[in-house]
Amino acid sequence: MHIGNIANNAYLNAKLLLQHDVESDVICADYYHIMGTPEWEDAVFDFEGIDHFNPDWANLDLQGFKRPDWFHSGALGEILAELAGDASAPEQKMGRLSRIIGTAHSHAFGGTLELLLTDAWTKLFGSKKKSLIDLLTKVSVPILRVICHLHFYAESALKKNGGDRFAKIRVTLDQINSRTECDLRRSEVVPYFFHQALWERIFKKYDAVIGYSIDGIYPLICNKKYIAFEHGTIRKIPFVDDALGRICKAVYKAADKIIITNCDNVKAAEKLQLKDYRFIPHPINEEVQKVPLPPSCTERLHGQDFIVFHPARHHWDRHRDPSWEKGNDKIIAGFAKFRKAANVKTVLVLTEWGLTIEQSRRLIKKLGIEDSVVWIPVLPNQHMIEMISLSHVVVDQIGVGAFGSLAAKSLMCGKATLCHIDPEPHRACFDVIPPLISVESHIDVADRLQQLASDISYRNHIENVSREWYLQHHSNKLIAERLVGLIQEIAA
């Protein structure tokens, strides 16, 4: 069983395991963002103007794609009741208020609740009322969490065994704190116990459980062996002394096995003294379809000699938060410096995604390169691969010193890729360091773009070694072998 599906990691891992005769189910509860859906990976559809937080898949032409029945999306209680085979469970009859409270239970301390409420207030008042929306979200999140707690206590008190339930929570919490020394507080973990009885019934059906991000909390409170899967999760969160930090720390310290997907987080794993972790690369969708890009993405690319594609979300500010930072300002400034000296017709392609898009637009205007920048919508996987293929170079983040799925997709496509990487943790994870062209400043970006644009033989060499490295060190074949081996260990 896979619990949680941020960035489609669970979906892709489950697909891989099914191809190797390992039965899998994915629970993606109360999370409807477009980037956590099977359609985003494998369907071809008109993506322009789509609602990213709650896409209406039923009214979109998916060209024959059907969501697999092993991918379970919706309200957590309903999913669990279905998997438990209990159609009469109260979770199957949830009303609107219960659904909202259910979301608060299942995402008590993650960012999903804030995102869902922000989206709801935006739809009600419009995107121009940002200050009002921020205020309403700030106020409504703690109110909803209080309602969540009251709902849990009231629901428990009405049950004949309500006292036993509270006693069980205390015992479980004491055991977790004894194992992890994380000082979890009852008020912090109560929401996760809401569906505990259903979780316990369902876990009996599975030989192995993988909890993504902090979703290992569910097998943890049910005393079920589990694998914790990090995708940037432990870089900062478990070192913050708040509810989310304590929960995250407990989930990873108590896990029977841990999968590290970001090389730089080997340092975090050592600092947390995690007992059994190993590196397995991000899963990448290798089932590529040839799809046309809409004119809005390509009309300004015709006749360009050198296309630079920077698909990362926009997040850069003076704080340089490692959990968010992408270094887009350095990339934009580096491209501006390169274009000023370049002898080729060049364009920078950016995606309309992230919290600092307006800051990026202002920087582009200040640097006087508006005529050389193309903004495109966020691309589904199949269209993303097509845009990468059309580009001459891909620029990923230059914030944290490690690479993720965007750079891996670029390597798979055999493209020269700029990205800031710290060699030390990558040596610990790979036999051969990936052939990414490491950059840290806008001057580095400008110099490397100039080299790639002017030296075609060098660029061709990088393209060849990039594809070969991916096949040898990051392919799905390698990922599947490691995943299957890890699951066999925990199921033994």
Protein backbone atom coordinates (compact mmCIF):
# COMPACT_ATOMS: atom_id res chain seq x y z
CA MET A 1 0.00 0.00 0.00
CA HIS A 2 1.14 3.52 -0.86
CA ILE A 3 -0.24 6.40 1.25
CA GLY A 4 0.01 9.95 -0.11
CA ASN A 5 0.79 11.02 -3.66
CA ILE A 6 2.46 14.43 -3.76
CA ALA A 7 4.21 14.87 -7.13
CA ASN A 8 2.84 11.48 -8.26
CA ASN A 9 5.65 9.55 -6.62
CA ALA A 10 3.25 6.93 -5.23
CA TYR A 11 1.46 6.56 -8.57
CA LEU A 12 4.71 6.04 -10.46
CA ASN A 13 6.14 3.65 -7.87
CA ALA A 14 2.93 1.62 -7.88
CA LYS A 15 3.01 1.41 -11.68
CA LEU A 16 6.58 0.13 -11.53
CA LEU A 17 5.77 -2.47 -8.89
CA LEU A 18 2.71 -3.71 -10.76
CA GLN A 19 4.90 -4.22 -13.82
CA HIS A 20 7.06 -6.45 -11.61
CA ASP A 21 4.09 -8.47 -10.29
CA VAL A 22 3.88 -6.65 -6.95
CA GLU A 23 0.23 -5.80 -6.29
CA SER A 24 -0.25 -2.20 -5.17
CA ASP A 25 -2.91 0.26 -4.09
CA VAL A 26 -2.47 4.02 -3.79
CA ILE A 27 -4.45 6.13 -1.32
CA CYS A 28 -4.51 9.78 -2.37
CA ALA A 29 -6.95 11.23 0.15
CA ASP A 30 -8.40 14.74 0.22
CA TYR A 31 -5.75 15.89 -2.24
CA TYR A 32 -6.94 16.85 -5.71
CA HIS A 33 -4.11 19.00 -7.03
CA ILE A 34 -3.53 18.29 -10.70
CA MET A 35 0.10 17.28 -10.16
CA GLY A 36 -0.96 14.43 -7.88
CA THR A 37 -3.17 12.62 -10.38
CA PRO A 38 -2.64 9.79 -12.91
CA GLU A 39 -4.00 12.04 -15.66
CA TRP A 40 -1.13 14.50 -15.18
CA GLU A 41 1.37 11.74 -15.93
CA ASP A 42 -0.26 9.65 -18.61
CA ALA A 43 -3.22 11.43 -20.22
CA VAL A 44 -3.14 13.87 -23.12
CA PHE A 45 -5.64 16.72 -22.72
CA ASP A 46 -6.20 20.44 -23.20
CA PHE A 47 -4.39 21.81 -20.16
CA GLU A 48 -4.79 25.54 -20.81
CA GLY A 49 -7.03 27.30 -18.30
CA ILE A 50 -7.59 24.20 -16.17
CA ASP A 51 -8.24 24.47 -12.41
CA HIS A 52 -5.05 23.08 -10.85
CA PHE A 53 -6.52 22.53 -7.40
CA ASN A 54 -9.69 20.71 -8.42
CA PRO A 55 -9.62 19.71 -12.11
CA ASP A 56 -12.92 18.56 -13.59
CA TRP A 57 -11.66 15.35 -15.20
CA ALA A 58 -15.17 14.13 -16.04
CA ASN A 59 -15.65 16.98 -18.52
CA LEU A 60 -12.22 16.81 -20.15
CA ASP A 61 -11.35 14.81 -23.26
CA LEU A 62 -8.62 12.47 -22.03
CA GLN A 63 -8.32 10.69 -25.39
CA GLY A 64 -9.23 7.30 -23.99
CA PHE A 65 -7.19 7.39 -20.79
CA LYS A 66 -8.91 5.79 -17.79
CA ARG A 67 -7.75 6.17 -14.21
CA PRO A 68 -6.59 2.75 -12.87
CA ASP A 69 -8.82 1.13 -10.27
CA TRP A 70 -5.85 0.70 -7.89
CA PHE A 71 -5.59 4.50 -7.52
CA HIS A 72 -8.02 5.60 -4.79
CA SER A 73 -8.83 9.31 -4.61
CA GLY A 74 -11.44 11.17 -2.57
CA ALA A 75 -12.37 11.67 1.06
CA LEU A 76 -10.16 9.57 3.33
CA GLY A 77 -13.02 7.98 5.27
CA GLU A 78 -14.79 6.88 2.11
CA ILE A 79 -11.61 5.38 0.64
CA LEU A 80 -10.90 3.45 3.82
CA ALA A 81 -14.46 2.16 4.10
CA GLU A 82 -14.29 0.98 0.49
CA LEU A 83 -10.94 -0.78 0.96
CA ALA A 84 -12.18 -2.35 4.17
CA GLY A 85 -15.18 -3.68 2.26
CA ASP A 86 -17.64 -2.01 4.61
CA ALA A 87 -20.32 -0.23 2.58
CA SER A 88 -22.36 0.41 5.72
CA ALA A 89 -19.60 2.32 7.51
CA PRO A 90 -20.56 5.89 8.44
CA GLU A 91 -17.60 7.10 6.38
CA GLN A 92 -19.52 6.03 3.26
CA LYS A 93 -22.33 8.45 4.08
CA MET A 94 -20.42 11.65 4.71
CA GLY A 95 -22.08 15.01 4.14
CA ARG A 96 -20.36 18.25 3.11
CA LEU A 97 -19.43 19.30 6.67
CA SER A 98 -18.08 15.84 7.47
CA ARG A 99 -15.96 15.96 4.31
CA ILE A 100 -14.44 19.28 5.37
CA ILE A 101 -13.77 17.96 8.86
CA GLY A 102 -12.35 14.79 7.32
CA THR A 103 -9.89 16.87 5.34
CA ALA A 104 -8.84 18.63 8.54
CA HIS A 105 -8.30 15.24 10.19
CA SER A 106 -6.23 13.79 7.36
CA HIS A 107 -4.15 16.95 6.75
CA ALA A 108 -4.05 18.38 10.24
CA PHE A 109 -0.53 19.78 10.11
CA GLY A 110 0.54 19.60 6.48
CA GLY A 111 0.19 22.42 3.97
CA THR A 112 -2.74 20.86 2.11
CA LEU A 113 -5.41 22.31 4.39
CA GLU A 114 -4.02 25.83 3.87
CA LEU A 115 -3.89 25.31 0.10
CA LEU A 116 -7.46 24.00 -0.05
CA LEU A 117 -8.81 26.88 2.02
CA THR A 118 -6.82 29.47 0.05
CA ASP A 119 -8.26 28.05 -3.16
CA ALA A 120 -11.80 28.11 -1.73
CA TRP A 121 -11.52 31.74 -0.58
CA THR A 122 -9.96 32.73 -3.93
CA LYS A 123 -12.90 31.24 -5.82
CA LEU A 124 -15.30 33.14 -3.56
CA PHE A 125 -13.64 36.57 -3.59
CA GLY A 126 -11.35 36.52 -6.64
CA SER A 127 -7.57 36.50 -6.92
CA LYS A 128 -7.27 40.31 -6.59
CA LYS A 129 -8.35 40.15 -2.93
CA LYS A 130 -5.08 38.53 -1.87
CA SER A 131 -4.81 40.31 1.50
CA LEU A 132 -8.36 39.34 2.43
CA ILE A 133 -7.80 35.75 1.27
CA ASP A 134 -4.58 35.45 3.28
CA LEU A 135 -6.36 36.79 6.37
CA LEU A 136 -9.34 34.46 5.98
CA THR A 137 -7.06 31.44 5.51
CA LYS A 138 -4.96 32.42 8.51
CA VAL A 139 -8.09 32.70 10.66
CA SER A 140 -10.01 29.71 9.29
CA VAL A 141 -7.22 27.11 9.55
CA PRO A 142 -6.96 27.15 13.38
CA ILE A 143 -10.75 27.37 13.69
CA LEU A 144 -11.16 24.29 11.52
CA ARG A 145 -8.53 22.47 13.55
CA VAL A 146 -10.41 23.26 16.78
CA ILE A 147 -13.61 21.97 15.17
CA CYS A 148 -11.68 18.88 14.13
CA HIS A 149 -10.63 18.20 17.73
CA LEU A 150 -14.10 18.88 19.14
CA HIS A 151 -15.59 16.58 16.51
CA PHE A 152 -13.17 13.80 17.49
CA TYR A 153 -13.82 14.12 21.22
CA ALA A 154 -17.59 14.41 20.80
CA GLU A 155 -17.69 11.45 18.43
CA SER A 156 -15.56 9.39 20.83
CA ALA A 157 -17.59 10.36 23.90
CA LEU A 158 -20.80 9.16 22.24
CA LYS A 159 -19.34 5.71 21.68
CA LYS A 160 -19.66 3.03 24.31
CA ASN A 161 -15.92 2.44 24.25
CA GLY A 162 -14.96 6.12 24.09
CA GLY A 163 -12.88 5.85 27.27
CA ASP A 164 -11.00 2.87 25.88
CA ARG A 165 -10.24 4.86 22.74
CA PHE A 166 -8.65 7.70 24.71
CA ALA A 167 -6.67 5.23 26.81
CA LYS A 168 -5.39 3.54 23.65
CA ILE A 169 -4.25 6.88 22.25
CA ARG A 170 -2.31 7.63 25.44
CA VAL A 171 -0.62 4.23 25.40
CA THR A 172 0.24 4.49 21.69
CA LEU A 173 1.61 7.99 22.11
CA ASP A 174 3.76 6.93 25.07
CA GLN A 175 5.18 4.06 23.02
CA ILE A 176 5.98 6.32 20.05
CA ASN A 177 7.67 8.92 22.26
CA SER A 178 9.67 6.21 23.99
CA ARG A 179 10.93 4.91 20.62
CA THR A 180 11.64 8.26 19.00
CA GLU A 181 12.19 10.78 21.82
CA CYS A 182 10.13 13.27 19.83
CA ASP A 183 7.82 14.52 22.58
CA LEU A 184 4.66 14.23 20.48
CA ARG A 185 1.66 15.81 22.17
CA ARG A 186 -1.79 14.29 22.24
CA SER A 187 -3.41 17.41 20.80
CA GLU A 188 -1.08 17.13 17.79
CA VAL A 189 -1.77 13.51 16.89
CA VAL A 190 -5.45 13.12 17.84
CA PRO A 191 -6.67 13.94 14.28
CA TYR A 192 -4.74 10.99 12.84
CA PHE A 193 -6.54 8.55 15.15
CA PHE A 194 -9.96 9.45 13.74
CA HIS A 195 -10.03 6.48 11.31
CA GLN A 196 -7.66 4.24 13.28
CA ALA A 197 -10.03 1.24 13.42
CA LEU A 198 -10.44 1.24 9.63
CA TRP A 199 -6.69 1.65 9.09
CA GLU A 200 -5.98 -1.35 11.33
CA ARG A 201 -8.41 -3.54 9.37
CA ILE A 202 -6.95 -2.47 6.04
CA PHE A 203 -3.30 -2.86 7.03
CA LYS A 204 -3.92 -6.54 7.75
CA LYS A 205 -4.44 -7.04 4.00
CA TYR A 206 -1.01 -5.71 2.99
CA ASP A 207 2.49 -7.13 3.37
CA ALA A 208 4.15 -3.72 3.10
CA VAL A 209 3.15 -0.07 3.51
CA ILE A 210 4.95 2.98 2.10
CA GLY A 211 4.05 6.32 3.69
CA TYR A 212 5.01 9.31 1.55
CA SER A 213 6.06 12.58 3.20
CA ILE A 214 4.56 12.34 6.73
CA ASP A 215 1.81 9.84 5.86
CA GLY A 216 3.78 7.15 7.65
CA ILE A 217 1.93 8.46 10.72
CA TYR A 218 -0.96 6.10 9.91
CA PRO A 219 0.95 2.80 10.05
CA LEU A 220 2.95 4.21 12.98
CA ILE A 221 -0.12 4.72 15.19
CA CYS A 222 -1.39 1.27 14.15
CA ASN A 223 1.91 -0.45 15.00
CA LYS A 224 2.29 -1.63 11.38
CA LYS A 225 5.74 -1.98 9.81
CA TYR A 226 6.28 0.70 7.18
CA ILE A 227 8.68 2.40 4.80
CA ALA A 228 8.92 6.21 4.99
CA PHE A 229 9.46 7.87 1.60
CA GLU A 230 11.02 11.34 1.61
CA HIS A 231 10.95 13.70 -1.36
CA GLY A 232 12.56 16.72 0.24
CA THR A 233 10.51 16.13 3.41
CA ILE A 234 13.36 15.89 5.91
CA ARG A 235 15.48 18.75 4.59
CA LYS A 236 14.05 21.24 7.10
CA ILE A 237 10.70 20.12 8.59
CA PRO A 238 11.89 17.68 11.33
CA PHE A 239 14.32 20.25 12.70
CA VAL A 240 11.58 22.81 13.41
CA ASP A 241 10.12 22.69 16.92
CA ASP A 242 6.42 22.72 16.04
CA ALA A 243 3.64 20.16 15.58
CA LEU A 244 4.52 19.30 11.98
CA GLY A 245 8.22 19.08 12.83
CA ARG A 246 7.63 16.70 15.73
CA ILE A 247 5.28 14.49 13.70
CA CYS A 248 7.72 14.37 10.78
CA LYS A 249 10.63 13.53 13.06
CA ALA A 250 8.67 10.74 14.77
CA VAL A 251 7.53 9.25 11.44
CA TYR A 252 11.08 8.96 10.10
CA LYS A 253 12.80 7.93 13.33
CA ALA A 254 10.24 5.17 13.93
CA ALA A 255 10.17 3.90 10.33
CA ASP A 256 11.42 0.37 9.72
CA LYS A 257 12.97 1.49 6.42
CA ILE A 258 13.48 4.92 4.85
CA ILE A 259 13.80 5.84 1.19
CA ILE A 260 15.90 8.94 0.47
CA THR A 261 15.28 10.45 -2.98
CA ASN A 262 17.14 13.75 -2.62
CA CYS A 263 20.89 13.24 -2.29
CA ASP A 264 21.39 16.25 -0.04
CA ASN A 265 19.04 14.70 2.52
CA VAL A 266 21.60 12.04 3.37
CA LYS A 267 22.99 14.73 5.67
CA ALA A 268 19.57 15.17 7.30
CA ALA A 269 19.23 11.39 7.70
CA GLU A 270 22.57 11.25 9.51
CA LYS A 271 21.65 14.20 11.71
CA LEU A 272 18.35 12.51 12.63
CA GLN A 273 20.22 9.24 13.25
CA LEU A 274 17.78 7.30 11.11
CA LYS A 275 18.31 3.59 11.62
CA ASP A 276 17.86 2.07 8.15
CA TYR A 277 17.79 4.40 5.16
CA ARG A 278 18.88 3.90 1.60
CA PHE A 279 18.91 6.01 -1.54
CA ILE A 280 16.50 5.23 -4.38
CA PRO A 281 16.10 7.83 -7.17
CA HIS A 282 12.81 9.57 -7.95
CA PRO A 283 10.59 7.48 -10.23
CA ILE A 284 10.34 8.98 -13.72
CA ASN A 285 7.59 8.24 -16.23
CA GLU A 286 9.46 6.59 -19.10
CA GLU A 287 6.30 5.83 -21.10
CA VAL A 288 6.62 8.79 -23.47
CA GLN A 289 4.00 9.67 -26.07
CA LYS A 290 4.59 12.01 -29.00
CA VAL A 291 2.19 14.89 -28.39
CA PRO A 292 1.75 18.30 -30.07
CA LEU A 293 2.23 21.45 -28.02
CA PRO A 294 -0.36 24.22 -28.44
CA PRO A 295 0.60 27.37 -30.41
CA SER A 296 0.73 29.37 -27.16
CA CYS A 297 3.81 27.32 -26.25
CA THR A 298 5.56 27.19 -29.60
CA GLU A 299 4.67 30.18 -31.79
CA ARG A 300 7.57 32.31 -30.51
CA LEU A 301 10.07 29.45 -30.66
CA HIS A 302 10.16 29.22 -34.46
CA GLY A 303 13.42 30.52 -35.90
CA GLN A 304 15.23 30.50 -32.57
CA ASP A 305 18.80 29.17 -32.59
CA PHE A 306 19.04 28.44 -28.87
CA ILE A 307 16.03 27.65 -26.67
CA VAL A 308 16.60 27.74 -22.90
CA PHE A 309 13.85 26.03 -20.88
CA HIS A 310 13.49 26.75 -17.15
CA PRO A 311 10.43 24.73 -16.01
CA ALA A 312 10.87 25.05 -12.23
CA ARG A 313 8.27 26.83 -10.12
CA HIS A 314 9.10 30.41 -9.20
CA HIS A 315 10.24 30.86 -5.63
CA TRP A 316 13.07 33.16 -4.73
CA ASP A 317 13.40 35.73 -1.97
CA ARG A 318 15.93 37.11 0.47
CA HIS A 319 15.30 34.30 2.96
CA ARG A 320 16.46 31.56 0.53
CA ASP A 321 14.42 28.92 2.37
CA PRO A 322 15.95 25.55 1.33
CA SER A 323 12.51 23.90 1.31
CA TRP A 324 11.29 26.30 -1.39
CA GLU A 325 14.22 28.09 -3.02
CA LYS A 326 14.72 27.69 -6.79
CA GLY A 327 17.07 30.60 -7.54
CA ASN A 328 14.95 31.84 -10.46
CA ASP A 329 16.30 35.38 -10.10
CA LYS A 330 19.85 34.16 -10.70
CA ILE A 331 18.74 32.17 -13.73
CA ILE A 332 16.86 35.14 -15.24
CA ALA A 333 19.79 37.48 -14.59
CA GLY A 334 22.22 34.93 -16.04
CA PHE A 335 20.14 34.57 -19.19
CA ALA A 336 20.01 38.37 -19.56
CA LYS A 337 23.80 38.58 -19.35
CA PHE A 338 24.18 35.72 -21.85
CA ARG A 339 21.69 37.23 -24.32
CA LYS A 340 23.46 40.58 -24.25
CA ALA A 341 26.69 38.99 -25.50
CA ALA A 342 25.22 36.13 -27.56
CA ASN A 343 25.61 35.86 -31.32
CA VAL A 344 22.55 33.60 -31.63
CA LYS A 345 18.81 34.17 -31.58
CA THR A 346 17.81 32.93 -28.15
CA VAL A 347 14.73 32.73 -25.95
CA LEU A 348 14.06 31.80 -22.32
CA VAL A 349 10.92 29.71 -21.71
CA LEU A 350 9.39 30.04 -18.23
CA THR A 351 6.33 28.42 -16.65
CA GLU A 352 3.56 30.38 -14.93
CA TRP A 353 3.89 28.55 -11.64
CA GLY A 354 4.98 29.56 -8.16
CA LEU A 355 4.68 32.19 -5.45
CA THR A 356 7.09 34.76 -6.92
CA ILE A 357 5.92 34.97 -10.53
CA GLU A 358 5.24 38.71 -10.26
CA GLN A 359 8.72 39.31 -8.83
CA SER A 360 10.16 37.39 -11.79
CA ARG A 361 8.12 39.49 -14.24
CA ARG A 362 9.36 42.70 -12.65
CA LEU A 363 12.97 41.49 -12.80
CA ILE A 364 12.58 40.56 -16.47
CA LYS A 365 11.22 44.04 -17.22
CA LYS A 366 14.01 45.70 -15.23
CA LEU A 367 16.63 43.73 -17.18
CA GLY A 368 15.00 44.66 -20.50
CA ILE A 369 14.58 41.11 -21.80
CA GLU A 370 10.77 40.91 -22.10
CA ASP A 371 11.03 40.30 -25.85
CA SER A 372 13.25 37.24 -25.22
CA VAL A 373 11.07 35.55 -22.59
CA VAL A 374 8.14 33.23 -23.31
CA TRP A 375 5.69 32.38 -20.55
CA ILE A 376 3.82 29.10 -20.89
CA PRO A 377 1.31 27.24 -18.68
CA VAL A 378 2.49 24.49 -16.36
CA LEU A 379 2.81 21.41 -18.56
CA PRO A 380 1.49 17.88 -17.92
CA ASN A 381 4.18 15.22 -18.10
CA GLN A 382 3.76 14.22 -21.76
CA HIS A 383 3.82 17.86 -22.91
CA MET A 384 6.71 18.59 -20.54
CA ILE A 385 8.79 15.88 -22.23
CA GLU A 386 7.94 17.40 -25.63
CA MET A 387 9.06 20.87 -24.53
CA ILE A 388 12.28 19.46 -23.10
CA SER A 389 12.89 17.72 -26.43
CA LEU A 390 12.40 21.01 -28.32
CA SER A 391 14.89 22.84 -26.10
CA HIS A 392 18.65 23.09 -26.46
CA VAL A 393 19.31 23.34 -22.74
CA VAL A 394 17.24 22.86 -19.59
CA VAL A 395 17.89 24.88 -16.44
CA ASP A 396 16.64 23.38 -13.18
CA GLN A 397 16.87 24.95 -9.70
CA ILE A 398 20.05 26.43 -8.29
CA GLY A 399 18.94 26.51 -4.68
CA VAL A 400 19.55 23.39 -2.61
CA GLY A 401 22.52 21.60 -4.18
CA ALA A 402 20.54 18.56 -5.33
CA PHE A 403 18.42 17.59 -8.31
CA GLY A 404 14.86 16.30 -8.56
CA SER A 405 12.51 14.92 -11.16
CA LEU A 406 12.80 17.85 -13.60
CA ALA A 407 16.54 17.39 -14.06
CA ALA A 408 16.08 13.62 -14.22
CA LYS A 409 13.55 14.01 -17.06
CA SER A 410 16.01 16.24 -18.89
CA LEU A 411 18.79 13.68 -18.49
CA MET A 412 16.44 10.95 -19.73
CA CYS A 413 15.80 13.06 -22.85
CA GLY A 414 19.54 13.51 -23.36
CA LYS A 415 19.62 17.26 -22.79
CA ALA A 416 22.34 19.48 -21.38
CA THR A 417 21.06 20.46 -17.93
CA LEU A 418 22.14 23.28 -15.63
CA CYS A 419 21.55 22.69 -11.93
CA HIS A 420 23.37 23.43 -8.69
CA ILE A 421 24.60 20.18 -7.17
CA ASP A 422 26.84 19.51 -4.19
CA PRO A 423 29.23 16.69 -5.28
CA GLU A 424 29.73 15.18 -1.81
CA PRO A 425 26.24 13.74 -1.13
CA HIS A 426 25.91 12.68 -4.77
CA ARG A 427 29.06 10.57 -4.45
CA ALA A 428 27.40 8.83 -1.50
CA CYS A 429 24.32 8.01 -3.59
CA PHE A 430 25.65 7.28 -7.09
CA ASP A 431 28.62 5.33 -8.40
CA VAL A 432 29.06 8.12 -10.97
CA ILE A 433 28.06 11.74 -10.32
CA PRO A 434 25.34 12.86 -12.78
CA PRO A 435 26.63 14.91 -15.74
CA LEU A 436 24.69 17.99 -14.67
CA ILE A 437 26.43 21.30 -15.33
CA SER A 438 26.63 22.80 -11.85
CA VAL A 439 25.96 26.53 -11.48
CA GLU A 440 25.59 28.72 -8.38
CA SER A 441 25.47 32.33 -9.59
CA HIS A 442 24.04 34.35 -12.48
CA ILE A 443 27.58 34.64 -13.85
CA ASP A 444 27.88 30.83 -13.87
CA VAL A 445 24.57 30.59 -15.72
CA ALA A 446 25.66 33.12 -18.35
CA ASP A 447 29.05 31.47 -18.89
CA ARG A 448 27.64 27.96 -19.23
CA LEU A 449 24.89 29.08 -21.62
CA GLN A 450 27.51 30.82 -23.75
CA GLN A 451 29.65 27.67 -23.81
CA LEU A 452 26.71 25.44 -24.79
CA ALA A 453 25.51 27.85 -27.47
CA SER A 454 28.92 28.37 -29.09
CA ASP A 455 30.50 24.92 -28.75
CA ILE A 456 28.18 22.45 -30.50
CA SER A 457 30.56 19.50 -30.10
CA TYR A 458 30.68 20.10 -26.33
CA ARG A 459 26.90 20.28 -26.18
CA ASN A 460 26.54 17.07 -28.18
CA HIS A 461 28.96 15.33 -25.83
CA ILE A 462 26.95 16.42 -22.77
CA GLU A 463 23.73 15.25 -24.43
CA ASN A 464 25.17 11.79 -25.13
CA VAL A 465 26.62 11.25 -21.65
CA SER A 466 23.42 12.56 -20.05
CA ARG A 467 21.22 9.95 -21.70
CA GLU A 468 23.75 7.19 -21.01
CA TRP A 469 24.09 8.18 -17.36
CA TYR A 470 20.32 8.12 -16.89
CA LEU A 471 20.05 4.62 -18.34
CA GLN A 472 22.86 3.32 -16.16
CA HIS A 473 22.11 5.06 -12.85
CA HIS A 474 18.54 6.40 -12.74
CA SER A 475 16.37 4.18 -14.91
CA ASN A 476 13.08 2.66 -13.82
CA LYS A 477 14.69 -0.76 -14.13
CA LEU A 478 17.15 0.16 -11.38
CA ILE A 479 14.46 1.84 -9.25
CA ALA A 480 12.15 -1.18 -9.53
CA GLU A 481 14.90 -3.60 -8.49
CA ARG A 482 15.67 -1.58 -5.37
CA LEU A 483 12.00 -1.07 -4.49
CA VAL A 484 11.14 -4.75 -4.86
CA GLY A 485 14.16 -5.71 -2.75
CA LEU A 486 13.19 -3.28 0.00
CA ILE A 487 9.59 -4.50 0.06
CA GLN A 488 10.76 -8.10 0.29
CA GLU A 489 12.88 -7.13 3.31
CA ILE A 490 10.03 -5.51 5.20
CA ALA A 491 7.53 -8.22 4.29
CA ALA A 492 9.83 -11.03 5.47
